[in-house]
């Protein structure tokens, strides 16, 4: 073997050695194919038997290095690592924690970026990714050598602190993390939610710890300082929530749900012309379940459309029966934001009306102000289609949400319902009267009908009548009742209150 061949042989051995290190480092993934491709490319680009110029050897390594870097970028990320931030992911964290079990000291903290979805919607996913990377780097700088950090999902990070913190210390930690982050000239103000789990309590396994940490984060989202600990009762609460969601489909089949109707008093005519349909659930497993409890759970579980469709069908069937009995009422139903996001909603309602031989005037839709503002453009488009079909629309809980007055004139709305919260102290507080009167005048000026809910006292009723309110709803007139009871009291409901 000549000296030239020997030198080139050394070069190839070095190259193959580098490739072998890469093969070992990246956890034995697809490196056999990678090495085969690398050796083939090297053999094609560099022939062994050629005159050697020692001075060119360093330069011959440059294309090799560039090629190696390019091939490295094509490799999939290692198992257990998050591609965007380089941190442990959920799989990697669970593997590390499993090796450390049982953990009897320290603290887990789960961090969530409040309303991160709006960052992506407003600034784009590229900036959202850079924000996550910047926060990950900030977290890495703030943890100790014995601590552990992972990205659990899109905008959630988990830290294991070897030494527990007090809630006061966590607040300081939260404030430090939440300092504004500047990305390409755009300053993002962070609001971080922290759920934490102390390991002095007994936790059976890693999955149980992570589940309890999720429960702590849920609690943190409604805490005043966005920090909350796992509490032992949270397990029972979650079990009840899971039971509610799992029992719901069977509840529909077994007719455990039913409607009640709360009449509305028309101040102009002195009788009952409208009513609101409300849902009740008497579960064979759980007993009575409040709508305030099961409706948000169905929304989270993606099952709210099943409930809404059931309500629409039940209301229209009831309208058919009442029209045969000469009871004429416009019935209002409440829809969720997920319903309004569905393109076929208006078409389905119109089809159902035709199937039952009913006019659109027998039905109205109520949506809350906050729902309306969640996706204004899409919601308005759906409401416009309903309005063109003759279905009336009302804003429920008017004044409690975040709508801009500038939007009100563009909304395809027929009615606003002023929330009962505005009635507190109305008969004696001039400021409360001024607020309600202003809301009524505003709605009237926009040609909206005005209904006030939660009216229970005659002095309040008289004040609302003086203010020009169109309808009232509340115990002063009638409590929610089932259809047979409403039919029984129909004559009484059509007598003037005064």
Protein backbone atom coordinates (compact mmCIF):
# COMPACT_ATOMS: atom_id res chain seq x y z
CA UNK A 1 0.00 0.00 0.00
CA UNK A 2 1.35 3.40 -0.97
CA UNK A 3 1.58 6.40 1.37
CA UNK A 4 -1.18 8.12 -0.59
CA UNK A 5 -3.53 5.20 -0.18
CA UNK A 6 -2.67 4.98 3.52
CA UNK A 7 -3.52 8.66 4.09
CA UNK A 8 -6.82 8.32 2.25
CA UNK A 9 -7.58 5.19 4.21
CA UNK A 10 -7.06 7.19 7.42
CA UNK A 11 -9.38 9.89 6.08
CA UNK A 12 -12.08 7.33 5.40
CA UNK A 13 -11.65 5.73 8.80
CA UNK A 14 -12.07 9.13 10.47
CA UNK A 15 -15.21 9.80 8.42
CA UNK A 16 -16.66 6.41 9.23
CA UNK A 17 -15.76 6.94 12.91
CA UNK A 18 -17.65 10.23 12.97
CA UNK A 19 -20.63 8.57 11.35
CA UNK A 20 -20.45 5.76 13.89
CA UNK A 21 -20.54 8.24 16.78
CA UNK A 22 -23.63 9.84 15.24
CA UNK A 23 -25.17 6.39 14.86
CA UNK A 24 -24.65 5.64 18.56
CA UNK A 25 -25.75 9.08 19.75
CA UNK A 26 -29.11 9.11 18.01
CA UNK A 27 -30.37 6.01 19.74
CA UNK A 28 -30.00 3.42 17.00
CA UNK A 29 -32.79 4.78 14.82
CA UNK A 30 -32.39 4.51 11.05
CA UNK A 31 -28.62 4.89 11.06
CA UNK A 32 -27.80 1.74 9.06
CA UNK A 33 -29.51 3.27 6.07
CA UNK A 34 -27.94 6.60 6.94
CA UNK A 35 -24.39 5.13 7.07
CA UNK A 36 -24.90 3.16 3.90
CA UNK A 37 -26.02 6.30 2.11
CA UNK A 38 -23.13 8.28 3.60
CA UNK A 39 -20.47 5.74 2.55
CA UNK A 40 -21.97 5.51 -0.93
CA UNK A 41 -21.93 9.28 -1.31
CA UNK A 42 -18.35 9.52 -0.03
CA UNK A 43 -17.13 6.78 -2.34
CA UNK A 44 -18.77 8.48 -5.31
CA UNK A 45 -17.33 11.90 -4.50
CA UNK A 46 -13.79 10.88 -3.44
CA UNK A 47 -11.74 8.31 -5.36
CA UNK A 48 -8.97 6.61 -3.40
CA UNK A 49 -6.43 6.29 -6.15
CA UNK A 50 -5.55 9.84 -7.08
CA UNK A 51 -2.54 12.12 -6.54
CA UNK A 52 -2.53 13.53 -3.02
CA UNK A 53 -1.87 17.14 -2.18
CA UNK A 54 -1.38 17.38 1.60
CA UNK A 55 -2.36 21.06 1.58
CA UNK A 56 -5.85 20.23 0.27
CA UNK A 57 -6.74 17.72 3.01
CA UNK A 58 -8.39 20.29 5.39
CA UNK A 59 -10.49 21.65 2.54
CA UNK A 60 -11.66 18.17 1.59
CA UNK A 61 -13.22 17.85 5.05
CA UNK A 62 -15.43 20.94 4.54
CA UNK A 63 -17.94 19.33 2.12
CA UNK A 64 -17.90 16.25 4.33
CA UNK A 65 -18.79 18.35 7.39
CA UNK A 66 -21.54 20.24 5.51
CA UNK A 67 -22.96 16.97 4.26
CA UNK A 68 -22.97 15.49 7.75
CA UNK A 69 -24.79 18.54 9.12
CA UNK A 70 -27.39 18.29 6.36
CA UNK A 71 -27.99 14.60 7.03
CA UNK A 72 -28.23 15.21 10.77
CA UNK A 73 -31.04 17.69 10.22
CA UNK A 74 -32.97 15.03 8.31
CA UNK A 75 -32.86 12.61 11.23
CA UNK A 76 -36.05 12.38 13.33
CA UNK A 77 -35.75 13.73 16.89
CA UNK A 78 -34.81 11.16 19.52
CA UNK A 79 -37.61 9.47 21.43
CA UNK A 80 -38.47 11.33 24.60
CA UNK A 81 -37.42 14.76 23.32
CA UNK A 82 -39.52 17.67 22.13
CA UNK A 83 -38.42 18.72 18.64
CA UNK A 84 -39.23 22.43 19.06
CA UNK A 85 -37.58 23.13 22.42
CA UNK A 86 -35.21 20.20 22.88
CA UNK A 87 -36.74 19.54 26.31
CA UNK A 88 -38.05 16.22 27.52
CA UNK A 89 -41.54 15.50 26.22
CA UNK A 90 -44.30 13.64 28.07
CA UNK A 91 -42.93 10.24 27.03
CA UNK A 92 -39.38 11.11 28.06
CA UNK A 93 -40.49 12.60 31.36
CA UNK A 94 -42.58 9.56 32.29
CA UNK A 95 -39.64 7.29 31.50
CA UNK A 96 -37.28 9.30 33.73
CA UNK A 97 -39.79 9.56 36.55
CA UNK A 98 -40.56 5.85 36.43
CA UNK A 99 -36.87 5.14 37.04
CA UNK A 100 -36.92 7.47 40.07
CA UNK A 101 -40.05 6.04 41.71
CA UNK A 102 -41.00 6.17 44.49
CA UNK A 103 -40.64 9.93 44.71
CA UNK A 104 -41.23 11.05 48.29
CA UNK A 105 -39.94 14.62 48.28
CA UNK A 106 -39.95 17.67 46.08
CA UNK A 107 -42.69 19.33 44.06
CA UNK A 108 -44.17 19.23 40.58
CA UNK A 109 -45.32 22.47 38.94
CA UNK A 110 -47.35 22.47 35.73
CA UNK A 111 -47.22 25.79 33.86
CA UNK A 112 -49.74 26.86 31.24
CA UNK A 113 -49.70 29.99 29.05
CA UNK A 114 -53.09 31.63 29.45
CA UNK A 115 -54.85 32.07 26.08
CA UNK A 116 -51.84 30.92 24.07
CA UNK A 117 -54.20 30.02 21.22
CA UNK A 118 -54.86 33.71 20.67
CA UNK A 119 -51.13 34.33 20.21
CA UNK A 120 -51.14 31.85 17.33
CA UNK A 121 -54.34 33.31 15.91
CA UNK A 122 -53.13 36.89 16.12
CA UNK A 123 -49.42 36.64 15.29
CA UNK A 124 -49.13 33.29 13.52
CA UNK A 125 -47.70 29.89 14.44
CA UNK A 126 -44.12 30.89 13.67
CA UNK A 127 -44.12 33.58 16.35
CA UNK A 128 -46.00 31.24 18.68
CA UNK A 129 -43.23 28.66 18.28
CA UNK A 130 -40.57 31.27 19.02
CA UNK A 131 -42.47 32.28 22.14
CA UNK A 132 -42.46 28.68 23.35
CA UNK A 133 -38.73 28.40 22.66
CA UNK A 134 -38.04 31.64 24.53
CA UNK A 135 -40.07 30.50 27.54
CA UNK A 136 -38.32 27.12 27.51
CA UNK A 137 -34.93 28.87 27.60
CA UNK A 138 -36.12 31.11 30.43
CA UNK A 139 -37.26 28.07 32.39
CA UNK A 140 -33.95 26.27 31.83
CA UNK A 141 -32.07 29.22 33.30
CA UNK A 142 -34.23 29.17 36.44
CA UNK A 143 -34.06 25.53 37.47
CA UNK A 144 -31.32 23.77 39.43
CA UNK A 145 -29.11 20.84 38.50
CA UNK A 146 -31.28 18.35 40.39
CA UNK A 147 -34.52 19.70 38.94
CA UNK A 148 -36.26 18.38 35.83
CA UNK A 149 -38.01 20.23 32.98
CA UNK A 150 -40.33 18.98 30.22
CA UNK A 151 -42.75 20.29 27.63
CA UNK A 152 -45.95 18.31 28.16
CA UNK A 153 -48.04 19.53 25.23
CA UNK A 154 -48.56 22.64 23.11
CA UNK A 155 -48.30 25.32 25.80
CA UNK A 156 -47.74 23.37 29.02
CA UNK A 157 -44.39 22.91 30.75
CA UNK A 158 -43.69 20.73 33.78
CA UNK A 159 -40.95 21.29 36.34
CA UNK A 160 -39.87 18.89 39.05
CA UNK A 161 -38.27 20.86 41.88
CA UNK A 162 -36.07 18.76 44.11
CA UNK A 163 -36.73 21.27 46.90
CA UNK A 164 -40.40 22.29 47.42
CA UNK A 165 -41.47 25.94 47.27
CA UNK A 166 -44.08 27.76 49.32
CA UNK A 167 -46.97 29.38 47.44
CA UNK A 168 -45.40 32.80 48.12
CA UNK A 169 -42.17 31.60 46.49
CA UNK A 170 -44.16 30.23 43.58
CA UNK A 171 -45.75 33.65 43.08
CA UNK A 172 -42.30 35.24 42.83
CA UNK A 173 -41.26 32.48 40.42
CA UNK A 174 -44.42 33.05 38.36
CA UNK A 175 -43.84 36.81 38.17
CA UNK A 176 -40.25 36.31 37.04
CA UNK A 177 -41.28 33.92 34.29
CA UNK A 178 -44.11 36.16 33.12
CA UNK A 179 -41.89 39.11 32.19
CA UNK A 180 -42.70 40.31 28.64
CA UNK A 181 -40.87 38.56 25.81
CA UNK A 182 -39.85 40.48 22.68
CA UNK A 183 -39.82 38.52 19.42
CA UNK A 184 -38.82 40.32 16.22
CA UNK A 185 -40.01 43.62 17.63
CA UNK A 186 -43.31 42.20 18.93
CA UNK A 187 -43.66 42.31 22.72
CA UNK A 188 -45.74 39.48 24.18
CA UNK A 189 -47.12 39.91 27.70
CA UNK A 190 -47.45 36.55 29.41
CA UNK A 191 -50.01 35.39 31.93
CA UNK A 192 -48.98 32.05 33.38
CA UNK A 193 -51.14 29.60 35.32
CA UNK A 194 -49.42 27.25 37.79
CA UNK A 195 -50.82 24.06 39.25
CA UNK A 196 -48.58 22.29 41.75
CA UNK A 197 -48.36 18.97 43.52
CA UNK A 198 -46.37 18.34 46.70
CA UNK A 199 -44.81 14.90 46.89
CA UNK A 200 -45.16 14.54 50.65
CA UNK A 201 -48.56 12.98 49.86
CA UNK A 202 -48.79 9.39 48.63
CA UNK A 203 -49.02 9.01 44.85
CA UNK A 204 -49.27 5.48 43.50
CA UNK A 205 -47.52 5.94 40.17
CA UNK A 206 -46.36 8.47 37.58
CA UNK A 207 -49.68 8.52 35.71
CA UNK A 208 -51.55 9.31 38.92
CA UNK A 209 -49.15 12.14 39.74
CA UNK A 210 -49.53 13.69 36.28
CA UNK A 211 -53.32 13.36 36.43
CA UNK A 212 -53.42 15.07 39.81
CA UNK A 213 -51.17 17.79 38.47
CA UNK A 214 -53.65 18.37 35.63
CA UNK A 215 -56.40 18.73 38.23
CA UNK A 216 -54.32 21.31 40.08
CA UNK A 217 -53.92 23.30 36.86
CA UNK A 218 -57.68 23.24 36.29
CA UNK A 219 -58.11 24.69 39.77
CA UNK A 220 -55.41 27.32 39.07
CA UNK A 221 -57.28 28.62 36.03
CA UNK A 222 -60.07 29.88 38.27
CA UNK A 223 -57.84 31.06 41.14
CA UNK A 224 -57.37 34.80 41.67
CA UNK A 225 -53.57 34.56 41.38
CA UNK A 226 -53.62 31.69 38.85
CA UNK A 227 -51.79 29.40 41.29
CA UNK A 228 -53.37 26.37 42.97
CA UNK A 229 -52.39 23.09 44.60
CA UNK A 230 -53.88 19.67 44.09
CA UNK A 231 -56.40 18.87 46.80
CA UNK A 232 -57.49 15.38 47.79
CA UNK A 233 -61.12 16.03 46.90
CA UNK A 234 -60.16 16.79 43.30
CA UNK A 235 -60.07 13.06 42.50
CA UNK A 236 -63.69 12.63 43.55
CA UNK A 237 -64.65 15.71 41.56
CA UNK A 238 -62.96 14.37 38.43
CA UNK A 239 -64.59 10.98 38.90
CA UNK A 240 -68.00 12.65 39.02
CA UNK A 241 -67.21 14.65 35.88
CA UNK A 242 -66.17 11.50 34.02
CA UNK A 243 -69.33 9.77 35.20
CA UNK A 244 -71.49 12.64 33.95
CA UNK A 245 -69.89 12.57 30.49
CA UNK A 246 -69.98 8.77 30.20
CA UNK A 247 -73.62 8.56 31.37
CA UNK A 248 -74.92 11.26 29.04
CA UNK A 249 -75.47 9.22 25.82
CA UNK A 250 -77.44 6.58 27.74
CA UNK A 251 -79.38 9.34 29.51
CA UNK A 252 -80.63 10.54 26.13
CA UNK A 253 -81.67 7.02 25.15
CA UNK A 254 -83.45 6.37 28.46
CA UNK A 255 -85.30 9.73 28.51
CA UNK A 256 -83.63 10.92 31.70
CA UNK A 257 -83.49 14.46 30.31
CA UNK A 258 -86.57 16.62 30.03
CA UNK A 259 -87.54 20.22 29.36
CA UNK A 260 -89.14 22.79 31.60
CA UNK A 261 -90.50 26.09 30.35
CA UNK A 262 -90.32 29.47 32.06
CA UNK A 263 -92.97 31.87 30.73
CA UNK A 264 -92.14 35.51 29.98
CA UNK A 265 -94.66 38.23 30.78
CA UNK A 266 -95.36 40.70 27.99
CA UNK A 267 -95.81 44.13 29.61
CA UNK A 268 -97.46 45.62 26.53
CA UNK A 269 -100.20 42.99 26.18
CA UNK A 270 -100.43 41.76 29.79
CA UNK A 271 -100.18 38.10 28.84
CA UNK A 272 -97.76 35.28 28.04
CA UNK A 273 -96.38 35.31 24.50
CA UNK A 274 -92.92 33.82 25.02
CA UNK A 275 -91.16 31.20 27.15
CA UNK A 276 -87.66 29.85 27.56
CA UNK A 277 -86.95 26.11 27.29
CA UNK A 278 -84.59 24.91 30.02
CA UNK A 279 -82.98 21.47 30.39
CA UNK A 280 -83.21 19.21 33.42
CA UNK A 281 -81.48 15.88 34.01
CA UNK A 282 -82.61 13.36 36.61
CA UNK A 283 -79.83 10.76 36.33
CA UNK A 284 -80.45 7.15 37.37
CA UNK A 285 -76.82 7.03 38.53
CA UNK A 286 -76.17 10.47 40.02
CA UNK A 287 -79.62 11.82 40.78
CA UNK A 288 -80.47 15.39 39.72
CA UNK A 289 -77.58 17.00 37.80
CA UNK A 290 -77.54 20.78 37.35
CA UNK A 291 -77.29 22.19 33.80
CA UNK A 292 -74.57 24.48 35.15
CA UNK A 293 -72.56 21.34 35.85
CA UNK A 294 -73.19 19.07 32.88
CA UNK A 295 -73.39 21.58 30.01
CA UNK A 296 -69.78 22.86 30.36
CA UNK A 297 -68.58 19.24 30.59
CA UNK A 298 -70.43 18.30 27.41
CA UNK A 299 -68.89 21.31 25.68
CA UNK A 300 -65.40 20.18 26.71
CA UNK A 301 -66.14 16.60 25.64
CA UNK A 302 -67.41 17.68 22.21
CA UNK A 303 -70.90 16.29 22.93
CA UNK A 304 -72.86 19.53 23.17
CA UNK A 305 -74.24 19.21 19.64
CA UNK A 306 -76.02 15.98 20.68
CA UNK A 307 -77.76 17.87 23.47
CA UNK A 308 -78.61 20.87 21.29
CA UNK A 309 -80.12 18.66 18.59
CA UNK A 310 -82.20 16.87 21.21
CA UNK A 311 -83.44 20.22 22.57
CA UNK A 312 -84.37 21.49 19.11
CA UNK A 313 -86.34 18.32 18.35
CA UNK A 314 -88.11 18.31 21.72
CA UNK A 315 -89.07 21.99 21.47
CA UNK A 316 -90.50 21.57 17.98
CA UNK A 317 -92.45 18.46 18.99
CA UNK A 318 -93.87 20.40 21.93
CA UNK A 319 -94.82 23.26 19.64
CA UNK A 320 -96.77 20.85 17.44
CA UNK A 321 -98.73 19.61 20.47
CA UNK A 322 -99.40 23.11 21.77
CA UNK A 323 -100.56 24.43 18.43
CA UNK A 324 -103.08 21.60 18.34
CA UNK A 325 -104.24 22.82 21.79
CA UNK A 326 -104.34 26.45 20.59
CA UNK A 327 -101.42 27.48 22.83
CA UNK A 328 -99.35 30.03 20.94
CA UNK A 329 -95.86 30.64 22.33
CA UNK A 330 -92.50 31.58 20.92
CA UNK A 331 -90.03 29.22 22.59
CA UNK A 332 -86.41 30.26 23.13
CA UNK A 333 -83.59 27.73 23.22
CA UNK A 334 -80.00 28.28 24.34
CA UNK A 335 -77.21 27.31 21.97
CA UNK A 336 -73.50 26.88 22.69
CA UNK A 337 -70.65 28.45 20.76
CA UNK A 338 -69.81 25.03 19.25
CA UNK A 339 -73.32 24.91 17.79
CA UNK A 340 -72.87 28.30 16.19
CA UNK A 341 -69.54 27.18 14.69
CA UNK A 342 -71.36 24.44 12.81
CA UNK A 343 -72.08 25.45 9.22
CA UNK A 344 -75.14 23.20 8.90
CA UNK A 345 -76.90 24.52 12.03
CA UNK A 346 -79.22 26.97 10.30
CA UNK A 347 -80.05 24.50 7.52
CA UNK A 348 -80.83 21.77 10.04
CA UNK A 349 -83.15 24.01 12.05
CA UNK A 350 -84.96 25.14 8.91
CA UNK A 351 -85.32 21.51 7.75
CA UNK A 352 -86.76 20.46 11.12
CA UNK A 353 -89.27 23.32 11.05
CA UNK A 354 -90.47 22.22 7.60
CA UNK A 355 -90.70 18.57 8.68
CA UNK A 356 -92.99 19.55 11.56
CA UNK A 357 -95.01 21.99 9.46
CA UNK A 358 -94.07 24.92 11.71
CA UNK A 359 -93.22 28.50 10.88
CA UNK A 360 -89.92 29.99 12.02
CA UNK A 361 -91.81 32.32 14.36
CA UNK A 362 -92.32 29.51 16.90
CA UNK A 363 -88.60 29.44 17.71
CA UNK A 364 -85.94 31.86 18.91
CA UNK A 365 -82.25 31.40 19.71
CA UNK A 366 -80.48 32.73 22.80
CA UNK A 367 -76.69 33.07 22.96
CA UNK A 368 -74.61 34.69 25.65
CA UNK A 369 -72.65 37.85 25.05
CA UNK A 370 -69.32 36.12 25.77
CA UNK A 371 -70.14 33.36 23.25
CA UNK A 372 -70.90 35.97 20.63
CA UNK A 373 -67.50 37.59 21.09
CA UNK A 374 -65.57 34.30 20.90
CA UNK A 375 -65.79 34.10 17.11
CA UNK A 376 -67.68 37.17 15.97
CA UNK A 377 -67.37 36.69 12.20
CA UNK A 378 -68.51 33.07 12.06
CA UNK A 379 -71.24 33.54 14.66
CA UNK A 380 -72.72 36.54 12.85
CA UNK A 381 -72.74 34.58 9.57
CA UNK A 382 -74.76 31.75 11.18
CA UNK A 383 -77.12 34.18 12.91
CA UNK A 384 -77.72 36.02 9.64
CA UNK A 385 -78.81 32.77 7.97
CA UNK A 386 -81.20 32.06 10.84
CA UNK A 387 -82.58 35.58 10.75
CA UNK A 388 -83.19 35.38 7.00
CA UNK A 389 -85.18 32.21 7.66
CA UNK A 390 -87.32 34.09 10.20
CA UNK A 391 -85.81 32.71 13.42
CA UNK A 392 -85.32 35.44 16.03
CA UNK A 393 -82.08 35.85 17.98
CA UNK A 394 -81.51 37.20 21.51
CA UNK A 395 -78.33 38.10 23.41
CA UNK A 396 -78.57 36.47 26.83
CA UNK A 397 -76.90 37.97 29.94
CA UNK A 398 -76.56 41.31 28.17
CA UNK A 399 -74.09 43.59 29.91
CA UNK A 400 -72.12 40.83 31.65
CA UNK A 401 -69.76 40.02 28.77
CA UNK A 402 -67.13 42.00 26.90
CA UNK A 403 -68.86 43.15 23.74
CA UNK A 404 -67.95 46.46 22.21
CA UNK A 405 -70.75 48.94 21.69
CA UNK A 406 -69.36 49.45 18.19
CA UNK A 407 -70.35 45.88 17.28
CA UNK A 408 -73.93 46.05 18.53
CA UNK A 409 -75.29 47.96 15.56
CA UNK A 410 -74.00 45.25 13.20
CA UNK A 411 -75.44 42.26 15.05
CA UNK A 412 -78.42 40.40 13.55
CA UNK A 413 -80.19 40.46 16.90
CA UNK A 414 -83.86 41.04 17.77
CA UNK A 415 -83.74 41.01 21.56
CA UNK A 416 -81.42 41.53 24.51
CA UNK A 417 -81.91 39.95 27.92
CA UNK A 418 -80.59 41.98 30.84
CA UNK A 419 -79.06 39.75 33.49
CA UNK A 420 -80.50 39.48 37.01
CA UNK A 421 -77.18 40.74 38.41
CA UNK A 422 -78.24 44.29 37.50
CA UNK A 423 -81.37 44.07 39.68
CA UNK A 424 -79.52 43.99 43.00
CA UNK A 425 -80.66 47.02 45.00
CA UNK A 426 -82.57 48.40 42.02
CA UNK A 427 -85.56 49.63 44.05
CA UNK A 428 -83.36 51.74 46.37
CA UNK A 429 -80.11 52.52 44.53
CA UNK A 430 -80.29 55.43 42.03
CA UNK A 431 -77.01 54.34 40.42
CA UNK A 432 -78.35 50.84 39.78
CA UNK A 433 -81.47 52.39 38.27
CA UNK A 434 -79.36 54.62 36.04
CA UNK A 435 -77.35 51.65 34.75
CA UNK A 436 -80.44 49.59 33.92
CA UNK A 437 -82.22 52.57 32.35
CA UNK A 438 -79.16 53.29 30.21
CA UNK A 439 -79.00 49.67 29.05
CA UNK A 440 -82.70 49.70 28.18
CA UNK A 441 -82.39 53.00 26.31
CA UNK A 442 -79.35 51.73 24.40
CA UNK A 443 -81.12 48.55 23.33
CA UNK A 444 -84.28 50.41 22.39
CA UNK A 445 -82.26 52.90 20.38
CA UNK A 446 -80.89 49.98 18.35
CA UNK A 447 -84.42 48.66 17.83
CA UNK A 448 -83.94 45.65 20.12
CA UNK A 449 -86.69 44.22 22.27
CA UNK A 450 -85.71 44.14 25.98
CA UNK A 451 -86.34 41.31 28.44
CA UNK A 452 -85.17 41.37 32.06
CA UNK A 453 -84.56 38.04 33.83
CA UNK A 454 -84.69 37.18 37.49
CA UNK A 455 -87.52 39.55 38.45
CA UNK A 456 -88.86 38.48 41.84
CA UNK A 457 -90.24 41.61 43.56
CA UNK A 458 -93.15 43.88 42.64
CA UNK A 459 -91.26 47.20 43.23
CA UNK A 460 -88.62 46.04 40.74
CA UNK A 461 -91.31 44.99 38.29
CA UNK A 462 -92.94 48.44 38.45
CA UNK A 463 -89.61 50.22 37.92
CA UNK A 464 -88.87 48.09 34.87
CA UNK A 465 -92.30 48.83 33.49
CA UNK A 466 -91.62 52.57 33.85
CA UNK A 467 -88.29 52.15 32.04
CA UNK A 468 -90.02 50.69 28.99
CA UNK A 469 -88.95 47.06 29.32
CA UNK A 470 -90.88 44.77 26.94
CA UNK A 471 -90.91 41.48 28.84
CA UNK A 472 -89.94 40.16 32.28
CA UNK A 473 -88.98 36.65 33.28
CA UNK A 474 -88.81 35.47 36.87
CA UNK A 475 -90.54 34.02 39.88
CA UNK A 476 -92.79 37.07 40.25
CA UNK A 477 -94.62 35.78 37.19
CA UNK A 478 -93.88 32.07 36.89
CA UNK A 479 -91.23 29.54 37.82
CA UNK A 480 -89.97 26.99 35.27
CA UNK A 481 -92.57 24.25 34.80
CA UNK A 482 -93.11 21.14 32.74
CA UNK A 483 -95.43 21.23 29.75
CA UNK A 484 -98.54 19.74 31.46
CA UNK A 485 -98.24 22.24 34.31
CA UNK A 486 -97.94 25.15 31.88
CA UNK A 487 -101.05 23.94 30.07
CA UNK A 488 -102.90 23.72 33.40
CA UNK A 489 -101.94 27.32 34.31
CA UNK A 490 -102.36 28.74 30.80
CA UNK A 491 -105.39 30.89 31.64
CA UNK A 492 -103.76 32.25 34.79
CA UNK A 493 -100.60 33.09 32.83
CA UNK A 494 -102.64 35.26 30.50
CA UNK A 495 -103.98 37.55 33.20
CA UNK A 496 -102.35 40.96 33.85
CA UNK A 497 -99.93 41.10 36.78
CA UNK A 498 -101.19 44.55 37.82
